[in-house]
Structures are given as structure tokens and as C-alpha cells.
């Protein structure tokens, strides 16, 4: 995985998962939406908060790690 495009694809995937599973459930619960891809919306009240928060933290951490790996393999730091 030395190609910068593969790092970009991986970070896009992680970003989309973080968006749909971590960020979208919060406004969806507030406004009563039922997005198809946001699975934490279907959980009970305390569980969806925990799952969505954990996904947000994990996605952010993964994006930082991917960005650092991309820079390291590109020779930028």
C-alpha cells in the first residue's frame, strides 16, 4: 500500500463510515429521520450514543493514522 491513491481511498472509506455511523445518528434522532445506512439509529437510547461516539473517535483516530502513514510513505514527514 505504497500508492498515495490507496491511502486516499482508505481515508475516504473511513470518512464515509465515520459520517454515516458516527455523525448522522445524532441529527437523525433529533429530527426523527431513519437513514438506511446509519445503523446506530436502530439501537435503544443509551446504546446508540455509545456506539456513535465510539465510531466517531475510532474514525478520527484512523484518519490521523492513515494521514501519517501517507505522509511517511510519500517522504513528507
PDB file of N, CA and C in Angstrom:
ATOM      1  N   UNK A   1       0.841  -1.171   0.000  1.00  0.00           N
ATOM      2  CA  UNK A   1       0.000   0.000   0.000  1.00  0.00           C
ATOM      3  C   UNK A   1       0.892   1.242   0.000  1.00  0.00           C
ATOM      4  N   UNK A   2       1.696   1.360  -0.991  1.00  0.00           N
ATOM      5  CA  UNK A   2       2.612   2.485  -1.079  1.00  0.00           C
ATOM      6  C   UNK A   2       2.097   3.574  -2.015  1.00  0.00           C
ATOM      7  N   UNK A   3       1.010   3.331  -2.683  1.00  0.00           N
ATOM      8  CA  UNK A   3       0.438   4.303  -3.605  1.00  0.00           C
ATOM      9  C   UNK A   3      -0.402   5.314  -2.833  1.00  0.00           C
ATOM     10  N   UNK A   4      -0.186   6.618  -3.035  1.00  0.00           N
ATOM     11  CA  UNK A   4      -0.983   7.625  -2.314  1.00  0.00           C
ATOM     12  C   UNK A   4      -2.480   7.518  -2.593  1.00  0.00           C
ATOM     13  N   UNK A   5      -2.836   7.021  -3.763  1.00  0.00           N
ATOM     14  CA  UNK A   5      -4.263   6.884  -4.086  1.00  0.00           C
ATOM     15  C   UNK A   5      -4.935   5.822  -3.226  1.00  0.00           C
ATOM     16  N   UNK A   6      -4.199   4.794  -2.846  1.00  0.00           N
ATOM     17  CA  UNK A   6      -4.793   3.775  -1.984  1.00  0.00           C
ATOM     18  C   UNK A   6      -5.028   4.331  -0.581  1.00  0.00           C
ATOM     19  N   UNK A   7      -4.128   5.199  -0.120  1.00  0.00           N
ATOM     20  CA  UNK A   7      -4.352   5.865   1.164  1.00  0.00           C
ATOM     21  C   UNK A   7      -5.563   6.797   1.088  1.00  0.00           C
ATOM     22  N   UNK A   8      -5.700   7.478  -0.045  1.00  0.00           N
ATOM     23  CA  UNK A   8      -6.852   8.357  -0.223  1.00  0.00           C
ATOM     24  C   UNK A   8      -8.159   7.566  -0.250  1.00  0.00           C
ATOM     25  N   UNK A   9      -8.149   6.421  -0.919  1.00  0.00           N
ATOM     26  CA  UNK A   9      -9.346   5.585  -0.973  1.00  0.00           C
ATOM     27  C   UNK A   9      -9.703   5.053   0.416  1.00  0.00           C
ATOM     28  N   UNK A  10      -8.695   4.624   1.155  1.00  0.00           N
ATOM     29  CA  UNK A  10      -8.934   4.120   2.502  1.00  0.00           C
ATOM     30  C   UNK A  10      -9.456   5.220   3.420  1.00  0.00           C
ATOM     31  N   UNK A  11      -8.878   6.408   3.322  1.00  0.00           N
ATOM     32  CA  UNK A  11      -9.351   7.504   4.162  1.00  0.00           C
ATOM     33  C   UNK A  11     -10.757   7.941   3.756  1.00  0.00           C
ATOM     34  N   UNK A  12     -11.099   7.858   2.480  1.00  0.00           N
ATOM     35  CA  UNK A  12     -12.465   8.162   2.050  1.00  0.00           C
ATOM     36  C   UNK A  12     -13.454   7.166   2.631  1.00  0.00           C
ATOM     37  N   UNK A  13     -13.083   5.888   2.611  1.00  0.00           N
ATOM     38  CA  UNK A  13     -13.949   4.857   3.169  1.00  0.00           C
ATOM     39  C   UNK A  13     -14.150   5.069   4.667  1.00  0.00           C
ATOM     40  N   UNK A  14     -13.068   5.338   5.375  1.00  0.00           N
ATOM     41  CA  UNK A  14     -13.161   5.567   6.819  1.00  0.00           C
ATOM     42  C   UNK A  14     -13.994   6.820   7.102  1.00  0.00           C
ATOM     43  N   UNK A  15     -13.821   7.845   6.303  1.00  0.00           N
ATOM     44  CA  UNK A  15     -14.600   9.068   6.473  1.00  0.00           C
ATOM     45  C   UNK A  15     -16.085   8.853   6.256  1.00  0.00           C
ATOM     46  N   UNK A  16     -16.435   8.074   5.241  1.00  0.00           N
ATOM     47  CA  UNK A  16     -17.848   7.795   4.966  1.00  0.00           C
ATOM     48  C   UNK A  16     -18.458   6.955   6.083  1.00  0.00           C
ATOM     49  N   UNK A  17     -17.728   5.956   6.556  1.00  0.00           N
ATOM     50  CA  UNK A  17     -18.230   5.141   7.672  1.00  0.00           C
ATOM     51  C   UNK A  17     -18.381   5.998   8.920  1.00  0.00           C
ATOM     52  N   UNK A  18     -17.405   6.845   9.189  1.00  0.00           N
ATOM     53  CA  UNK A  18     -17.497   7.735  10.340  1.00  0.00           C
ATOM     54  C   UNK A  18     -18.666   8.693  10.239  1.00  0.00           C
ATOM     55  N   UNK A  19     -18.949   9.151   9.042  1.00  0.00           N
ATOM     56  CA  UNK A  19     -20.073  10.061   8.827  1.00  0.00           C
ATOM     57  C   UNK A  19     -21.405   9.360   9.058  1.00  0.00           C
ATOM     58  N   UNK A  20     -21.605   8.232   8.393  1.00  0.00           N
ATOM     59  CA  UNK A  20     -22.894   7.556   8.471  1.00  0.00           C
ATOM     60  C   UNK A  20     -23.142   6.853   9.802  1.00  0.00           C
ATOM     61  N   UNK A  21     -22.109   6.287  10.377  1.00  0.00           N
ATOM     62  CA  UNK A  21     -22.302   5.533  11.606  1.00  0.00           C
ATOM     63  C   UNK A  21     -22.010   6.336  12.868  1.00  0.00           C
ATOM     64  N   UNK A  22     -21.292   7.446  12.733  1.00  0.00           N
ATOM     65  CA  UNK A  22     -20.935   8.225  13.899  1.00  0.00           C
ATOM     66  C   UNK A  22     -21.608   9.571  14.000  1.00  0.00           C
ATOM     67  N   UNK A  23     -21.714  10.278  12.883  1.00  0.00           N
ATOM     68  CA  UNK A  23     -22.229  11.647  12.935  1.00  0.00           C
ATOM     69  C   UNK A  23     -23.714  11.746  12.587  1.00  0.00           C
ATOM     70  N   UNK A  24     -24.150  11.048  11.587  1.00  0.00           N
ATOM     71  CA  UNK A  24     -25.544  11.127  11.122  1.00  0.00           C
ATOM     72  C   UNK A  24     -26.563  10.708  12.192  1.00  0.00           C
ATOM     73  N   UNK A  25     -26.291   9.726  13.056  1.00  0.00           N
ATOM     74  CA  UNK A  25     -27.304   9.342  14.041  1.00  0.00           C
ATOM     75  C   UNK A  25     -27.734  10.463  14.989  1.00  0.00           C
ATOM     76  N   UNK A  26     -26.862  11.415  15.285  1.00  0.00           N
ATOM     77  CA  UNK A  26     -27.233  12.488  16.211  1.00  0.00           C
ATOM     78  C   UNK A  26     -28.346  13.375  15.652  1.00  0.00           C
ATOM     79  N   UNK A  27     -28.201  13.968  14.459  1.00  0.00           N
ATOM     80  CA  UNK A  27     -29.340  14.742  13.937  1.00  0.00           C
ATOM     81  C   UNK A  27     -30.522  13.860  13.536  1.00  0.00           C
ATOM     82  N   UNK A  28     -30.254  12.605  13.179  1.00  0.00           N
ATOM     83  CA  UNK A  28     -31.351  11.715  12.810  1.00  0.00           C
ATOM     84  C   UNK A  28     -32.271  11.461  13.998  1.00  0.00           C
ATOM     85  N   UNK A  29     -31.689  11.261  15.173  1.00  0.00           N
ATOM     86  CA  UNK A  29     -32.514  11.060  16.374  1.00  0.00           C
ATOM     87  C   UNK A  29     -33.256  12.339  16.751  1.00  0.00           C
ATOM     88  N   UNK A  30     -32.609  13.486  16.587  1.00  0.00           N
ATOM     89  CA  UNK A  30     -33.247  14.755  16.943  1.00  0.00           C
ATOM     90  C   UNK A  30     -34.423  15.058  16.027  1.00  0.00           C
ATOM     91  N   UNK A  31     -34.248  14.874  14.724  1.00  0.00           N
ATOM     92  CA  UNK A  31     -35.279  15.239  13.759  1.00  0.00           C
ATOM     93  C   UNK A  31     -36.186  14.083  13.360  1.00  0.00           C
ATOM     94  N   UNK A  32     -35.952  12.894  13.895  1.00  0.00           N
ATOM     95  CA  UNK A  32     -36.806  11.745  13.610  1.00  0.00           C
ATOM     96  C   UNK A  32     -36.563  11.100  12.257  1.00  0.00           C
ATOM     97  N   UNK A  33     -35.382  11.284  11.705  1.00  0.00           N
ATOM     98  CA  UNK A  33     -35.048  10.656  10.435  1.00  0.00           C
ATOM     99  C   UNK A  33     -34.736   9.185  10.650  1.00  0.00           C
ATOM    100  N   UNK A  34     -34.820   8.409   9.581  1.00  0.00           N
ATOM    101  CA  UNK A  34     -34.463   6.984   9.623  1.00  0.00           C
ATOM    102  C   UNK A  34     -33.579   6.654   8.427  1.00  0.00           C
ATOM    103  N   UNK A  35     -32.324   7.151   8.420  1.00  0.00           N
ATOM    104  CA  UNK A  35     -31.438   6.853   7.293  1.00  0.00           C
ATOM    105  C   UNK A  35     -31.123   5.365   7.223  1.00  0.00           C
ATOM    106  N   UNK A  36     -31.066   4.864   6.013  1.00  0.00           N
ATOM    107  CA  UNK A  36     -30.875   3.437   5.791  1.00  0.00           C
ATOM    108  C   UNK A  36     -29.504   2.947   6.252  1.00  0.00           C
ATOM    109  N   UNK A  37     -28.455   3.727   6.018  1.00  0.00           N
ATOM    110  CA  UNK A  37     -27.100   3.269   6.321  1.00  0.00           C
ATOM    111  C   UNK A  37     -26.648   3.569   7.749  1.00  0.00           C
ATOM    112  N   UNK A  38     -27.383   4.383   8.472  1.00  0.00           N
ATOM    113  CA  UNK A  38     -26.992   4.727   9.844  1.00  0.00           C
ATOM    114  C   UNK A  38     -27.568   3.692  10.806  1.00  0.00           C
ATOM    115  N   UNK A  39     -26.807   2.662  11.059  1.00  0.00           N
ATOM    116  CA  UNK A  39     -27.284   1.550  11.882  1.00  0.00           C
ATOM    117  C   UNK A  39     -27.479   1.895  13.359  1.00  0.00           C
ATOM    118  N   UNK A  40     -26.704   2.777  13.968  1.00  0.00           N
ATOM    119  CA  UNK A  40     -26.940   3.095  15.384  1.00  0.00           C
ATOM    120  C   UNK A  40     -28.304   3.725  15.659  1.00  0.00           C
ATOM    121  N   UNK A  41     -28.955   4.264  14.652  1.00  0.00           N
ATOM    122  CA  UNK A  41     -30.286   4.856  14.831  1.00  0.00           C
ATOM    123  C   UNK A  41     -31.280   3.799  15.296  1.00  0.00           C
ATOM    124  N   UNK A  42     -31.039   2.561  14.955  1.00  0.00           N
ATOM    125  CA  UNK A  42     -31.967   1.476  15.294  1.00  0.00           C
ATOM    126  C   UNK A  42     -31.744   0.916  16.702  1.00  0.00           C
ATOM    127  N   UNK A  43     -30.735   1.405  17.406  1.00  0.00           N
ATOM    128  CA  UNK A  43     -30.453   0.922  18.756  1.00  0.00           C
ATOM    129  C   UNK A  43     -31.259   1.697  19.796  1.00  0.00           C
ATOM    130  N   UNK A  44     -31.335   1.148  20.995  1.00  0.00           N
ATOM    131  CA  UNK A  44     -32.023   1.816  22.103  1.00  0.00           C
ATOM    132  C   UNK A  44     -31.220   3.033  22.556  1.00  0.00           C
ATOM    133  N   UNK A  45     -31.818   3.822  23.415  1.00  0.00           N
ATOM    134  CA  UNK A  45     -31.296   5.138  23.759  1.00  0.00           C
ATOM    135  C   UNK A  45     -29.862   5.178  24.286  1.00  0.00           C
ATOM    136  N   UNK A  46     -29.475   4.469  25.309  1.00  0.00           N
ATOM    137  CA  UNK A  46     -28.079   4.663  25.727  1.00  0.00           C
ATOM    138  C   UNK A  46     -27.084   3.996  24.776  1.00  0.00           C
ATOM    139  N   UNK A  47     -27.479   2.946  24.112  1.00  0.00           N
ATOM    140  CA  UNK A  47     -26.539   2.208  23.263  1.00  0.00           C
ATOM    141  C   UNK A  47     -26.146   2.999  22.015  1.00  0.00           C
ATOM    142  N   UNK A  48     -27.079   3.711  21.403  1.00  0.00           N
ATOM    143  CA  UNK A  48     -26.727   4.424  20.168  1.00  0.00           C
ATOM    144  C   UNK A  48     -25.765   5.569  20.442  1.00  0.00           C
ATOM    145  N   UNK A  49     -25.866   6.201  21.617  1.00  0.00           N
ATOM    146  CA  UNK A  49     -24.916   7.250  21.975  1.00  0.00           C
ATOM    147  C   UNK A  49     -23.502   6.677  22.070  1.00  0.00           C
ATOM    148  N   UNK A  50     -23.394   5.545  22.736  1.00  0.00           N
ATOM    149  CA  UNK A  50     -22.087   4.914  22.943  1.00  0.00           C
ATOM    150  C   UNK A  50     -21.495   4.461  21.616  1.00  0.00           C
ATOM    151  N   UNK A  51     -22.307   3.811  20.791  1.00  0.00           N
ATOM    152  CA  UNK A  51     -21.820   3.307  19.506  1.00  0.00           C
ATOM    153  C   UNK A  51     -21.427   4.458  18.588  1.00  0.00           C
ATOM    154  N   UNK A  52     -22.268   5.464  18.488  1.00  0.00           N
ATOM    155  CA  UNK A  52     -21.966   6.603  17.607  1.00  0.00           C
ATOM    156  C   UNK A  52     -20.732   7.355  18.073  1.00  0.00           C
ATOM    157  N   UNK A  53     -20.618   7.567  19.367  1.00  0.00           N
ATOM    158  CA  UNK A  53     -19.433   8.238  19.893  1.00  0.00           C
ATOM    159  C   UNK A  53     -18.166   7.436  19.665  1.00  0.00           C
ATOM    160  N   UNK A  54     -18.248   6.129  19.864  1.00  0.00           N
ATOM    161  CA  UNK A  54     -17.086   5.269  19.653  1.00  0.00           C
ATOM    162  C   UNK A  54     -16.674   5.253  18.186  1.00  0.00           C
ATOM    163  N   UNK A  55     -17.659   5.241  17.298  1.00  0.00           N
ATOM    164  CA  UNK A  55     -17.347   5.263  15.862  1.00  0.00           C
ATOM    165  C   UNK A  55     -16.692   6.586  15.478  1.00  0.00           C
ATOM    166  N   UNK A  56     -17.183   7.693  16.032  1.00  0.00           N
ATOM    167  CA  UNK A  56     -16.569   8.992  15.747  1.00  0.00           C
ATOM    168  C   UNK A  56     -15.116   9.042  16.199  1.00  0.00           C
ATOM    169  N   UNK A  57     -14.861   8.577  17.406  1.00  0.00           N
ATOM    170  CA  UNK A  57     -13.495   8.587  17.931  1.00  0.00           C
ATOM    171  C   UNK A  57     -12.603   7.644  17.124  1.00  0.00           C
ATOM    172  N   UNK A  58     -13.094   6.452  16.812  1.00  0.00           N
ATOM    173  CA  UNK A  58     -12.303   5.485  16.049  1.00  0.00           C
ATOM    174  C   UNK A  58     -12.032   5.978  14.629  1.00  0.00           C
ATOM    175  N   UNK A  59     -13.023   6.596  14.000  1.00  0.00           N
ATOM    176  CA  UNK A  59     -12.825   7.111  12.645  1.00  0.00           C
ATOM    177  C   UNK A  59     -11.810   8.250  12.639  1.00  0.00           C
ATOM    178  N   UNK A  60     -11.896   9.144  13.615  1.00  0.00           N
ATOM    179  CA  UNK A  60     -10.933  10.242  13.692  1.00  0.00           C
ATOM    180  C   UNK A  60      -9.520   9.706  13.913  1.00  0.00           C
ATOM    181  N   UNK A  61      -9.384   8.752  14.820  1.00  0.00           N
ATOM    182  CA  UNK A  61      -8.064   8.165  15.083  1.00  0.00           C
ATOM    183  C   UNK A  61      -7.526   7.446  13.846  1.00  0.00           C
ATOM    184  N   UNK A  62      -8.391   6.723  13.152  1.00  0.00           N
ATOM    185  CA  UNK A  62      -7.964   6.017  11.945  1.00  0.00           C
ATOM    186  C   UNK A  62      -7.556   6.996  10.847  1.00  0.00           C
ATOM    187  N   UNK A  63      -8.269   8.103  10.720  1.00  0.00           N
ATOM    188  CA  UNK A  63      -7.900   9.101   9.715  1.00  0.00           C
ATOM    189  C   UNK A  63      -6.550   9.742  10.026  1.00  0.00           C
ATOM    190  N   UNK A  64      -6.279   9.965  11.290  1.00  0.00           N
ATOM    191  CA  UNK A  64      -4.974  10.516  11.682  1.00  0.00           C
ATOM    192  C   UNK A  64      -3.862   9.515  11.364  1.00  0.00           C
ATOM    193  N   UNK A  65      -4.077   8.253  11.686  1.00  0.00           N
ATOM    194  CA  UNK A  65      -3.071   7.217  11.416  1.00  0.00           C
ATOM    195  C   UNK A  65      -2.846   7.059   9.914  1.00  0.00           C
ATOM    196  N   UNK A  66      -3.915   7.054   9.132  1.00  0.00           N
ATOM    197  CA  UNK A  66      -3.792   6.914   7.681  1.00  0.00           C
ATOM    198  C   UNK A  66      -3.051   8.106   7.093  1.00  0.00           C
ATOM    199  N   UNK A  67      -3.364   9.309   7.565  1.00  0.00           N
ATOM    200  CA  UNK A  67      -2.695  10.502   7.056  1.00  0.00           C
ATOM    201  C   UNK A  67      -1.207  10.481   7.397  1.00  0.00           C
ATOM    202  N   UNK A  68      -0.875  10.070   8.596  1.00  0.00           N
ATOM    203  CA  UNK A  68       0.545   9.966   8.977  1.00  0.00           C
ATOM    204  C   UNK A  68       1.274   8.923   8.145  1.00  0.00           C
ATOM    205  N   UNK A  69       0.618   7.804   7.891  1.00  0.00           N
ATOM    206  CA  UNK A  69       1.242   6.753   7.066  1.00  0.00           C
ATOM    207  C   UNK A  69       1.424   7.230   5.631  1.00  0.00           C
ATOM    208  N   UNK A  70       0.457   7.967   5.130  1.00  0.00           N
ATOM    209  CA  UNK A  70       0.566   8.502   3.774  1.00  0.00           C
ATOM    210  C   UNK A  70       1.742   9.474   3.669  1.00  0.00           C
ATOM    211  N   UNK A  71       1.872  10.347   4.665  1.00  0.00           N
ATOM    212  CA  UNK A  71       2.979  11.293   4.659  1.00  0.00           C
ATOM    213  C   UNK A  71       4.327  10.584   4.807  1.00  0.00           C
ATOM    214  N   UNK A  72       4.363   9.558   5.641  1.00  0.00           N
ATOM    215  CA  UNK A  72       5.615   8.819   5.850  1.00  0.00           C
ATOM    216  C   UNK A  72       6.056   8.111   4.580  1.00  0.00           C
ATOM    217  N   UNK A  73       5.123   7.486   3.878  1.00  0.00           N
ATOM    218  CA  UNK A  73       5.484   6.766   2.659  1.00  0.00           C
ATOM    219  C   UNK A  73       5.737   7.700   1.480  1.00  0.00           C
ATOM    220  N   UNK A  74       5.194   8.908   1.547  1.00  0.00           N
ATOM    221  CA  UNK A  74       5.421   9.878   0.483  1.00  0.00           C
ATOM    222  C   UNK A  74       6.708  10.651   0.716  1.00  0.00           C
ATOM    223  N   UNK A  75       7.303  10.498   1.882  1.00  0.00           N
ATOM    224  CA  UNK A  75       8.535  11.198   2.192  1.00  0.00           C
ATOM    225  C   UNK A  75       8.303  12.597   2.722  1.00  0.00           C
ATOM    226  N   UNK A  76       7.072  12.869   3.163  1.00  0.00           N
ATOM    227  CA  UNK A  76       6.760  14.200   3.627  1.00  0.00           C
ATOM    228  C   UNK A  76       6.845  14.363   5.127  1.00  0.00           C
ATOM    229  N   UNK A  77       7.371  13.444   5.846  1.00  0.00           N
ATOM    230  CA  UNK A  77       7.473  13.675   7.276  1.00  0.00           C
ATOM    231  C   UNK A  77       7.665  12.433   8.011  1.00  0.00           C
TER     232      UNK A  77
END
